[in-house]
Structures are given as structure tokens and as C-alpha cells.
Protein backbone atom coordinates (compact mmCIF):
# COMPACT_ATOMS: atom_id res chain seq x y z
CA MET A 1 -0.12 -0.05 -0.03
CA THR A 2 1.48 3.34 -0.97
CA THR A 3 0.55 6.63 0.74
CA LYS A 4 0.17 9.82 -0.81
CA PRO A 5 2.85 12.19 0.09
CA THR A 6 1.55 15.13 2.58
CA ARG A 7 1.73 18.51 0.42
CA LEU A 8 1.58 21.60 2.31
CA ILE A 9 0.10 24.93 0.69
CA ARG A 10 0.65 28.43 1.67
CA LEU A 11 -2.06 30.91 2.43
CA PRO A 12 -2.51 32.63 -0.85
CA GLU A 13 -3.24 29.16 -2.39
CA VAL A 14 -5.88 28.49 0.41
CA LEU A 15 -7.48 31.73 -0.26
CA ASN A 16 -7.58 31.27 -4.00
CA ARG A 17 -9.36 27.77 -3.74
CA ALA A 18 -11.68 29.13 -1.06
CA ALA A 19 -12.45 32.23 -2.86
CA MET A 20 -12.23 33.99 0.48
CA SER A 21 -10.80 37.15 1.82
CA LYS A 22 -7.69 36.85 4.16
CA SER A 23 -9.67 38.62 6.97
CA ARG A 24 -12.65 36.10 6.61
CA PHE A 25 -10.27 33.09 6.44
CA TYR A 26 -8.58 34.36 9.67
CA GLN A 27 -12.12 34.70 11.31
CA ALA A 28 -12.86 31.02 10.31
CA ILE A 29 -9.49 29.60 12.11
CA ASN A 30 -9.63 32.08 15.19
CA PRO A 31 -11.42 30.05 17.89
CA LYS A 32 -12.31 33.23 19.84
CA HIS A 33 -14.17 34.82 16.65
CA PRO A 34 -18.04 34.29 16.31
CA LYS A 35 -17.39 33.16 12.80
CA TYR A 36 -15.10 30.26 13.90
CA ASP A 37 -15.33 27.05 12.05
CA GLU A 38 -13.98 24.33 13.87
CA ARG A 39 -13.74 22.21 10.66
CA ALA A 40 -11.27 24.85 9.06
CA PRO A 41 -7.84 23.70 8.43
CA HIS A 42 -5.28 24.38 11.32
CA PRO A 43 -2.06 26.20 10.22
CA VAL A 44 1.32 24.22 10.46
CA ARG A 45 4.04 26.50 11.74
CA MET A 46 7.33 26.33 9.87
CA GLY A 47 9.57 28.77 11.40
CA SER A 48 8.29 32.33 10.59
CA THR A 49 5.95 31.05 8.06
CA VAL A 50 2.68 28.89 8.11
CA ALA A 51 1.23 26.40 5.55
CA PHE A 52 -1.68 24.30 5.47
CA VAL A 53 -2.17 20.58 4.81
CA GLU A 54 -3.73 20.43 1.13
CA THR A 55 -5.97 17.42 2.06
CA GLU A 56 -7.37 19.17 5.25
CA VAL A 57 -8.16 22.26 2.91
CA GLU A 58 -9.85 20.17 0.43
CA GLU A 59 -12.02 18.24 3.15
CA TRP A 60 -13.08 21.71 4.66
CA LEU A 61 -13.91 23.19 1.31
CA GLN A 62 -16.31 20.18 0.69
CA THR A 63 -17.97 20.75 3.89
CA LEU A 64 -18.63 24.69 2.87
CA VAL A 65 -19.99 23.27 -0.60
CA GLN A 66 -22.28 20.80 1.37
CA ARG A 67 -23.32 23.50 3.77
CA GLY A 68 -24.04 25.98 0.80
CA ARG A 69 -26.35 23.51 -0.89
CA GLN A 70 -28.54 22.56 2.08
CA PRO A 71 -31.81 24.27 1.87
CA THR A 72 -32.34 27.03 4.71
CA PRO A 73 -35.56 26.99 6.70
CA ASP A 74 -36.61 30.11 4.98
CA SER A 75 -36.33 28.64 1.34
CA LYS A 76 -39.33 26.86 -0.08
CA GLU A 77 -38.70 23.29 -1.52
CA ALA A 78 -40.08 22.68 -5.01
CA ALA A 79 -42.96 20.23 -4.93
């Protein structure tokens, strides 16, 4: 069994994939912020820089897509 190597991606790539502003992303990863998302990827510190595990970012993006496609209580379902 072969395992796929862990790929780290930097913040600009995460923001590009998420189509999200830097400030909104930092809100999502800050546990003290009201818009904190516990499923958001956690940064990996590498000296003075940070990166994110690509698979964790992709999994988080899938949860955002799934949440965005769920009907809201205000929406009316088609009959």
C-alpha cells in the first residue's frame, strides 16, 4: 500500500481555492471569533511562516460546499 505524500500549501493558495478574503479566513480559524469554523484547517508552523495541509483544506472546502447547498428554513422546496 502506498500513501500519498503530504503536500503543504501556503495561505495565498488556500485563499484562492476558497474564494475568500484573508480576513474572513482568519475569522474562520480563530476559535475566539464568532465566525470560527471548527472544521477549518489548522495552520502548520514552519519557522516564521505557516502552511496548510492540502487534504485538510480540500475536506474543509467540501463541507463549505455541502453547507451551501443545504436548503435553509426560509427557502421553499419545490413540489
